[in-house]
PDB file of N, CA and C in Angstrom:
ATOM      1  N   MET A   1       0.202   9.584 -25.245  1.00  0.00           N
ATOM      2  CA  MET A   1      -0.777   8.926 -25.708  1.00  0.00           C
ATOM      3  C   MET A   1      -2.052   9.452 -25.412  1.00  0.00           C
ATOM      4  N   ALA A   2      -2.535   9.396 -26.503  1.00  0.00           N
ATOM      5  CA  ALA A   2      -4.358  10.267 -26.293  1.00  0.00           C
ATOM      6  C   ALA A   2      -5.063   9.183 -25.803  1.00  0.00           C
ATOM      7  N   MET A   3      -5.939   9.914 -24.849  1.00  0.00           N
ATOM      8  CA  MET A   3      -7.200   9.168 -24.475  1.00  0.00           C
ATOM      9  C   MET A   3      -8.219   8.505 -25.462  1.00  0.00           C
ATOM     10  N   SER A   4      -8.888   7.671 -25.003  1.00  0.00           N
ATOM     11  CA  SER A   4     -10.011   7.228 -25.642  1.00  0.00           C
ATOM     12  C   SER A   4     -11.095   7.579 -25.400  1.00  0.00           C
ATOM     13  N   THR A   5     -12.025   7.990 -26.516  1.00  0.00           N
ATOM     14  CA  THR A   5     -13.169   8.292 -26.234  1.00  0.00           C
ATOM     15  C   THR A   5     -14.026   8.021 -24.738  1.00  0.00           C
ATOM     16  N   ASP A   6     -13.877   6.211 -24.655  1.00  0.00           N
ATOM     17  CA  ASP A   6     -14.936   6.135 -23.145  1.00  0.00           C
ATOM     18  C   ASP A   6     -13.486   6.555 -21.951  1.00  0.00           C
ATOM     19  N   ARG A   7     -12.717   6.823 -22.519  1.00  0.00           N
ATOM     20  CA  ARG A   7     -12.092   7.183 -21.057  1.00  0.00           C
ATOM     21  C   ARG A   7     -12.370   8.528 -20.854  1.00  0.00           C
ATOM     22  N   ILE A   8     -12.154   9.268 -22.126  1.00  0.00           N
ATOM     23  CA  ILE A   8     -12.709  10.686 -22.031  1.00  0.00           C
ATOM     24  C   ILE A   8     -13.928  11.134 -21.440  1.00  0.00           C
ATOM     25  N   THR A   9     -14.801  10.123 -21.578  1.00  0.00           N
ATOM     26  CA  THR A   9     -16.275  10.143 -21.111  1.00  0.00           C
ATOM     27  C   THR A   9     -16.249   9.862 -19.544  1.00  0.00           C
ATOM     28  N   ALA A  10     -15.804   8.707 -19.086  1.00  0.00           N
ATOM     29  CA  ALA A  10     -15.740   7.983 -17.647  1.00  0.00           C
ATOM     30  C   ALA A  10     -15.352   9.485 -17.268  1.00  0.00           C
ATOM     31  N   VAL A  11     -13.702   9.875 -17.244  1.00  0.00           N
ATOM     32  CA  VAL A  11     -13.446  10.697 -16.494  1.00  0.00           C
ATOM     33  C   VAL A  11     -14.168  12.276 -16.238  1.00  0.00           C
ATOM     34  N   ALA A  12     -14.657  12.662 -17.206  1.00  0.00           N
ATOM     35  CA  ALA A  12     -15.485  13.771 -17.287  1.00  0.00           C
ATOM     36  C   ALA A  12     -16.580  13.394 -16.581  1.00  0.00           C
ATOM     37  N   ASN A  13     -17.504  11.797 -16.529  1.00  0.00           N
ATOM     38  CA  ASN A  13     -18.713  11.903 -15.544  1.00  0.00           C
ATOM     39  C   ASN A  13     -18.306  11.889 -14.086  1.00  0.00           C
ATOM     40  N   TRP A  14     -16.931  11.265 -14.007  1.00  0.00           N
ATOM     41  CA  TRP A  14     -16.387  11.193 -12.555  1.00  0.00           C
ATOM     42  C   TRP A  14     -16.254  12.743 -12.354  1.00  0.00           C
ATOM     43  N   LEU A  15     -15.436  13.702 -12.718  1.00  0.00           N
ATOM     44  CA  LEU A  15     -15.809  15.179 -12.550  1.00  0.00           C
ATOM     45  C   LEU A  15     -16.788  15.981 -12.387  1.00  0.00           C
ATOM     46  N   MET A  16     -17.761  15.573 -12.984  1.00  0.00           N
ATOM     47  CA  MET A  16     -19.454  15.881 -13.184  1.00  0.00           C
ATOM     48  C   MET A  16     -19.633  15.369 -11.538  1.00  0.00           C
ATOM     49  N   THR A  17     -19.575  14.242 -11.185  1.00  0.00           N
ATOM     50  CA  THR A  17     -20.143  13.790 -10.184  1.00  0.00           C
ATOM     51  C   THR A  17     -19.844  14.499  -8.504  1.00  0.00           C
ATOM     52  N   ASN A  18     -18.655  14.901  -8.979  1.00  0.00           N
ATOM     53  CA  ASN A  18     -17.760  15.398  -7.952  1.00  0.00           C
ATOM     54  C   ASN A  18     -17.890  17.196  -7.990  1.00  0.00           C
ATOM     55  N   GLY A  19     -18.925  17.879  -8.724  1.00  0.00           N
ATOM     56  CA  GLY A  19     -18.883  18.811  -9.083  1.00  0.00           C
ATOM     57  C   GLY A  19     -18.214  19.840  -9.496  1.00  0.00           C
ATOM     58  N   ILE A  20     -17.346  19.102 -10.668  1.00  0.00           N
ATOM     59  CA  ILE A  20     -16.285  19.787 -11.432  1.00  0.00           C
ATOM     60  C   ILE A  20     -16.928  19.860 -13.079  1.00  0.00           C
ATOM     61  N   ASP A  21     -16.688  20.985 -13.548  1.00  0.00           N
ATOM     62  CA  ASP A  21     -16.744  21.156 -14.806  1.00  0.00           C
ATOM     63  C   ASP A  21     -15.760  20.830 -15.413  1.00  0.00           C
ATOM     64  N   PRO A  22     -15.727  19.675 -16.501  1.00  0.00           N
ATOM     65  CA  PRO A  22     -14.990  19.051 -16.937  1.00  0.00           C
ATOM     66  C   PRO A  22     -13.930  20.124 -18.072  1.00  0.00           C
ATOM     67  N   ALA A  23     -15.068  21.053 -18.610  1.00  0.00           N
ATOM     68  CA  ALA A  23     -14.489  21.830 -19.391  1.00  0.00           C
ATOM     69  C   ALA A  23     -13.584  23.123 -18.905  1.00  0.00           C
ATOM     70  N   ASP A  24     -13.546  23.185 -17.355  1.00  0.00           N
ATOM     71  CA  ASP A  24     -12.563  23.996 -16.787  1.00  0.00           C
ATOM     72  C   ASP A  24     -11.162  23.120 -16.088  1.00  0.00           C
ATOM     73  N   VAL A  25     -11.007  21.953 -16.930  1.00  0.00           N
ATOM     74  CA  VAL A  25      -9.888  21.535 -16.359  1.00  0.00           C
ATOM     75  C   VAL A  25      -9.019  21.112 -17.944  1.00  0.00           C
ATOM     76  N   PRO A  26      -7.790  21.446 -17.665  1.00  0.00           N
ATOM     77  CA  PRO A  26      -6.857  21.455 -18.923  1.00  0.00           C
ATOM     78  C   PRO A  26      -6.861  19.500 -18.834  1.00  0.00           C
ATOM     79  N   ILE A  27      -6.252  19.341 -20.316  1.00  0.00           N
ATOM     80  CA  ILE A  27      -6.151  18.023 -20.999  1.00  0.00           C
ATOM     81  C   ILE A  27      -4.861  17.412 -20.143  1.00  0.00           C
ATOM     82  N   ASP A  28      -4.229  18.279 -19.475  1.00  0.00           N
ATOM     83  CA  ASP A  28      -2.898  17.718 -18.809  1.00  0.00           C
ATOM     84  C   ASP A  28      -3.022  17.903 -17.189  1.00  0.00           C
ATOM     85  N   SER A  29      -3.885  18.236 -17.027  1.00  0.00           N
ATOM     86  CA  SER A  29      -3.824  18.874 -15.625  1.00  0.00           C
ATOM     87  C   SER A  29      -3.691  17.943 -14.253  1.00  0.00           C
ATOM     88  N   ASN A  30      -2.934  17.710 -13.797  1.00  0.00           N
ATOM     89  CA  ASN A  30      -2.829  16.943 -12.797  1.00  0.00           C
ATOM     90  C   ASN A  30      -3.800  16.574 -11.594  1.00  0.00           C
ATOM     91  N   ILE A  31      -4.050  15.386 -11.489  1.00  0.00           N
ATOM     92  CA  ILE A  31      -5.177  15.596 -10.626  1.00  0.00           C
ATOM     93  C   ILE A  31      -5.133  14.369  -9.217  1.00  0.00           C
ATOM     94  N   VAL A  32      -5.120  14.919  -8.096  1.00  0.00           N
ATOM     95  CA  VAL A  32      -4.545  14.179  -7.020  1.00  0.00           C
ATOM     96  C   VAL A  32      -5.999  13.741  -6.347  1.00  0.00           C
ATOM     97  N   VAL A  33      -6.124  12.769  -5.733  1.00  0.00           N
ATOM     98  CA  VAL A  33      -7.601  12.413  -5.124  1.00  0.00           C
ATOM     99  C   VAL A  33      -6.773  11.839  -3.864  1.00  0.00           C
ATOM    100  N   ASN A  34      -7.693  12.352  -2.755  1.00  0.00           N
ATOM    101  CA  ASN A  34      -7.536  11.052  -1.351  1.00  0.00           C
ATOM    102  C   ASN A  34      -8.549  10.876  -1.046  1.00  0.00           C
ATOM    103  N   GLU A  35      -9.103  10.522   0.303  1.00  0.00           N
ATOM    104  CA  GLU A  35     -10.116  10.207   0.978  1.00  0.00           C
ATOM    105  C   GLU A  35     -11.371  11.161   1.031  1.00  0.00           C
ATOM    106  N   HIS A  36     -10.799  12.515   1.358  1.00  0.00           N
ATOM    107  CA  HIS A  36     -11.666  13.799   1.418  1.00  0.00           C
ATOM    108  C   HIS A  36     -11.409  14.650   0.257  1.00  0.00           C
ATOM    109  N   THR A  37     -10.352  14.711  -0.150  1.00  0.00           N
ATOM    110  CA  THR A  37     -10.413  16.060  -1.519  1.00  0.00           C
ATOM    111  C   THR A  37     -10.193  15.387  -2.613  1.00  0.00           C
ATOM    112  N   ILE A  38     -10.082  16.450  -3.619  1.00  0.00           N
ATOM    113  CA  ILE A  38      -9.834  16.301  -5.055  1.00  0.00           C
ATOM    114  C   ILE A  38      -8.991  17.468  -5.107  1.00  0.00           C
ATOM    115  N   THR A  39      -7.679  17.423  -5.615  1.00  0.00           N
ATOM    116  CA  THR A  39      -6.740  18.681  -5.815  1.00  0.00           C
ATOM    117  C   THR A  39      -6.681  18.456  -7.484  1.00  0.00           C
ATOM    118  N   LEU A  40      -6.808  19.720  -8.252  1.00  0.00           N
ATOM    119  CA  LEU A  40      -6.395  19.455  -9.426  1.00  0.00           C
ATOM    120  C   LEU A  40      -6.026  21.180  -9.824  1.00  0.00           C
ATOM    121  N   ASP A  41      -5.824  21.100 -11.332  1.00  0.00           N
ATOM    122  CA  ASP A  41      -5.312  22.671 -12.276  1.00  0.00           C
ATOM    123  C   ASP A  41      -7.057  22.701 -13.040  1.00  0.00           C
ATOM    124  N   VAL A  42      -7.559  24.117 -12.741  1.00  0.00           N
ATOM    125  CA  VAL A  42      -8.652  24.643 -13.218  1.00  0.00           C
ATOM    126  C   VAL A  42      -7.937  25.858 -14.361  1.00  0.00           C
ATOM    127  N   TYR A  43      -8.863  26.137 -15.214  1.00  0.00           N
ATOM    128  CA  TYR A  43      -8.888  27.149 -15.849  1.00  0.00           C
ATOM    129  C   TYR A  43      -9.614  28.295 -14.820  1.00  0.00           C
ATOM    130  N   ALA A  44      -8.967  29.518 -14.442  1.00  0.00           N
ATOM    131  CA  ALA A  44      -9.895  30.492 -13.617  1.00  0.00           C
ATOM    132  C   ALA A  44     -10.574  31.300 -14.223  1.00  0.00           C
ATOM    133  N   ARG A  45     -11.715  31.332 -13.986  1.00  0.00           N
ATOM    134  CA  ARG A  45     -12.579  31.918 -14.759  1.00  0.00           C
ATOM    135  C   ARG A  45     -12.443  33.578 -14.355  1.00  0.00           C
ATOM    136  N   PRO A  46     -12.893  34.829 -15.393  1.00  0.00           N
ATOM    137  CA  PRO A  46     -12.227  36.141 -15.230  1.00  0.00           C
ATOM    138  C   PRO A  46     -13.187  36.499 -14.131  1.00  0.00           C
ATOM    139  N   THR A  47     -12.680  37.390 -13.188  1.00  0.00           N
ATOM    140  CA  THR A  47     -13.558  37.896 -12.167  1.00  0.00           C
ATOM    141  C   THR A  47     -14.257  39.027 -12.628  1.00  0.00           C
ATOM    142  N   THR A  48     -15.746  39.593 -12.256  1.00  0.00           N
ATOM    143  CA  THR A  48     -16.457  40.629 -12.561  1.00  0.00           C
ATOM    144  C   THR A  48     -15.572  41.908 -11.936  1.00  0.00           C
ATOM    145  N   ASP A  49     -15.075  42.128 -11.318  1.00  0.00           N
ATOM    146  CA  ASP A  49     -14.574  43.133 -10.612  1.00  0.00           C
ATOM    147  C   ASP A  49     -13.140  44.039 -11.582  1.00  0.00           C
ATOM    148  N   ALA A  50     -12.079  43.525 -11.318  1.00  0.00           N
ATOM    149  CA  ALA A  50     -10.916  43.954 -12.301  1.00  0.00           C
ATOM    150  C   ALA A  50     -10.772  43.104 -13.600  1.00  0.00           C
ATOM    151  N   GLY A  51     -11.080  41.756 -13.615  1.00  0.00           N
ATOM    152  CA  GLY A  51     -11.023  41.071 -14.463  1.00  0.00           C
ATOM    153  C   GLY A  51      -9.557  40.396 -14.435  1.00  0.00           C
ATOM    154  N   ARG A  52      -8.932  39.699 -15.858  1.00  0.00           N
ATOM    155  CA  ARG A  52      -7.825  39.097 -15.408  1.00  0.00           C
ATOM    156  C   ARG A  52      -6.964  39.689 -16.539  1.00  0.00           C
ATOM    157  N   SER A  53      -6.097  40.092 -16.692  1.00  0.00           N
ATOM    158  CA  SER A  53      -5.227  40.889 -17.864  1.00  0.00           C
ATOM    159  C   SER A  53      -3.823  39.766 -18.227  1.00  0.00           C
ATOM    160  N   ALA A  54      -3.866  38.426 -17.577  1.00  0.00           N
ATOM    161  CA  ALA A  54      -2.657  38.083 -18.206  1.00  0.00           C
ATOM    162  C   ALA A  54      -2.974  37.546 -19.753  1.00  0.00           C
ATOM    163  N   PRO A  55      -1.758  36.988 -20.488  1.00  0.00           N
ATOM    164  CA  PRO A  55      -2.356  36.828 -21.761  1.00  0.00           C
ATOM    165  C   PRO A  55      -2.184  35.241 -21.791  1.00  0.00           C
ATOM    166  N   GLY A  56      -3.553  34.871 -22.586  1.00  0.00           N
ATOM    167  CA  GLY A  56      -3.813  33.264 -22.472  1.00  0.00           C
ATOM    168  C   GLY A  56      -4.505  33.047 -21.477  1.00  0.00           C
ATOM    169  N   PRO A  57      -4.841  31.385 -21.397  1.00  0.00           N
ATOM    170  CA  PRO A  57      -5.556  31.370 -20.168  1.00  0.00           C
ATOM    171  C   PRO A  57      -4.723  31.299 -18.640  1.00  0.00           C
ATOM    172  N   VAL A  58      -5.417  31.391 -17.845  1.00  0.00           N
ATOM    173  CA  VAL A  58      -4.872  31.528 -16.499  1.00  0.00           C
ATOM    174  C   VAL A  58      -5.604  30.147 -15.522  1.00  0.00           C
ATOM    175  N   ILE A  59      -4.322  29.259 -15.087  1.00  0.00           N
ATOM    176  CA  ILE A  59      -4.521  27.992 -14.444  1.00  0.00           C
ATOM    177  C   ILE A  59      -4.654  28.511 -13.038  1.00  0.00           C
ATOM    178  N   GLU A  60      -5.318  27.816 -12.291  1.00  0.00           N
ATOM    179  CA  GLU A  60      -4.997  27.802 -10.789  1.00  0.00           C
ATOM    180  C   GLU A  60      -5.370  26.643 -10.238  1.00  0.00           C
ATOM    181  N   ARG A  61      -4.370  26.285  -9.002  1.00  0.00           N
ATOM    182  CA  ARG A  61      -4.945  24.914  -8.246  1.00  0.00           C
ATOM    183  C   ARG A  61      -6.125  24.815  -7.503  1.00  0.00           C
ATOM    184  N   ARG A  62      -6.912  24.018  -7.481  1.00  0.00           N
ATOM    185  CA  ARG A  62      -8.033  24.169  -6.877  1.00  0.00           C
ATOM    186  C   ARG A  62      -8.113  22.690  -5.899  1.00  0.00           C
ATOM    187  N   SER A  63      -8.915  22.526  -4.941  1.00  0.00           N
ATOM    188  CA  SER A  63      -9.265  21.411  -4.030  1.00  0.00           C
ATOM    189  C   SER A  63     -10.984  21.897  -3.729  1.00  0.00           C
ATOM    190  N   VAL A  64     -11.216  20.419  -3.776  1.00  0.00           N
ATOM    191  CA  VAL A  64     -12.926  20.234  -3.784  1.00  0.00           C
ATOM    192  C   VAL A  64     -13.173  18.931  -3.081  1.00  0.00           C
ATOM    193  N   PRO A  65     -14.244  19.073  -2.250  1.00  0.00           N
ATOM    194  CA  PRO A  65     -14.730  17.468  -1.623  1.00  0.00           C
ATOM    195  C   PRO A  65     -14.597  16.797  -2.659  1.00  0.00           C
ATOM    196  N   CYS A  66     -14.226  15.491  -1.973  1.00  0.00           N
ATOM    197  CA  CYS A  66     -14.289  14.413  -2.944  1.00  0.00           C
ATOM    198  C   CYS A  66     -15.793  13.690  -2.594  1.00  0.00           C
ATOM    199  N   VAL A  67     -16.522  13.381  -2.947  1.00  0.00           N
ATOM    200  CA  VAL A  67     -18.049  13.137  -3.733  1.00  0.00           C
ATOM    201  C   VAL A  67     -18.059  11.555  -3.522  1.00  0.00           C
ATOM    202  N   SER A  68     -17.198  11.432  -4.708  1.00  0.00           N
ATOM    203  CA  SER A  68     -17.110   9.941  -5.017  1.00  0.00           C
ATOM    204  C   SER A  68     -15.828   9.603  -5.823  1.00  0.00           C
ATOM    205  N   GLN A  69     -15.443   8.630  -5.465  1.00  0.00           N
ATOM    206  CA  GLN A  69     -13.830   8.177  -5.469  1.00  0.00           C
ATOM    207  C   GLN A  69     -14.201   7.758  -6.942  1.00  0.00           C
ATOM    208  N   PRO A  70     -12.645   7.865  -7.667  1.00  0.00           N
ATOM    209  CA  PRO A  70     -12.542   7.572  -9.225  1.00  0.00           C
ATOM    210  C   PRO A  70     -12.711   5.820  -9.410  1.00  0.00           C
ATOM    211  N   PRO A  71     -12.734   5.286 -10.174  1.00  0.00           N
ATOM    212  CA  PRO A  71     -13.036   4.154 -10.505  1.00  0.00           C
ATOM    213  C   PRO A  71     -11.964   3.468 -10.262  1.00  0.00           C
ATOM    214  N   GLU A  72     -11.698   1.840 -10.047  1.00  0.00           N
ATOM    215  CA  GLU A  72     -10.565   1.187  -9.933  1.00  0.00           C
ATOM    216  C   GLU A  72      -9.792   1.462 -10.958  1.00  0.00           C
ATOM    217  N   ARG A  73     -10.038   1.272 -11.912  1.00  0.00           N
ATOM    218  CA  ARG A  73      -9.642   0.900 -13.349  1.00  0.00           C
ATOM    219  C   ARG A  73     -10.429   1.695 -14.516  1.00  0.00           C
ATOM    220  N   TRP A  74      -9.945   2.868 -15.224  1.00  0.00           N
ATOM    221  CA  TRP A  74     -10.801   3.541 -16.153  1.00  0.00           C
ATOM    222  C   TRP A  74     -10.580   2.549 -17.348  1.00  0.00           C
ATOM    223  N   PRO A  75     -11.377   2.983 -18.114  1.00  0.00           N
ATOM    224  CA  PRO A  75     -11.352   2.509 -20.122  1.00  0.00           C
ATOM    225  C   PRO A  75     -10.183   2.838 -20.416  1.00  0.00           C
ATOM    226  N   ALA A  76      -9.619   2.279 -20.818  1.00  0.00           N
ATOM    227  CA  ALA A  76      -8.295   2.089 -21.688  1.00  0.00           C
ATOM    228  C   ALA A  76      -8.335   2.856 -22.946  1.00  0.00           C
TER     229      ALA A  76
END
């Protein structure tokens, strides 16, 4: 089921509040939130030294501090 525009906007705003660029998060990322951290899949940015040679996007699991908890309920 596709997410509504209101829901996508709400999730993007929440991600940005927590210092996460929504453009770095795959639409099907598994996001786990606990009291102190957010763990999620993100697109890895190429490094400046050797770069990345994998075909297609590289996705890595990352944890960041949770500054703002998600709302009790997201828009439908």
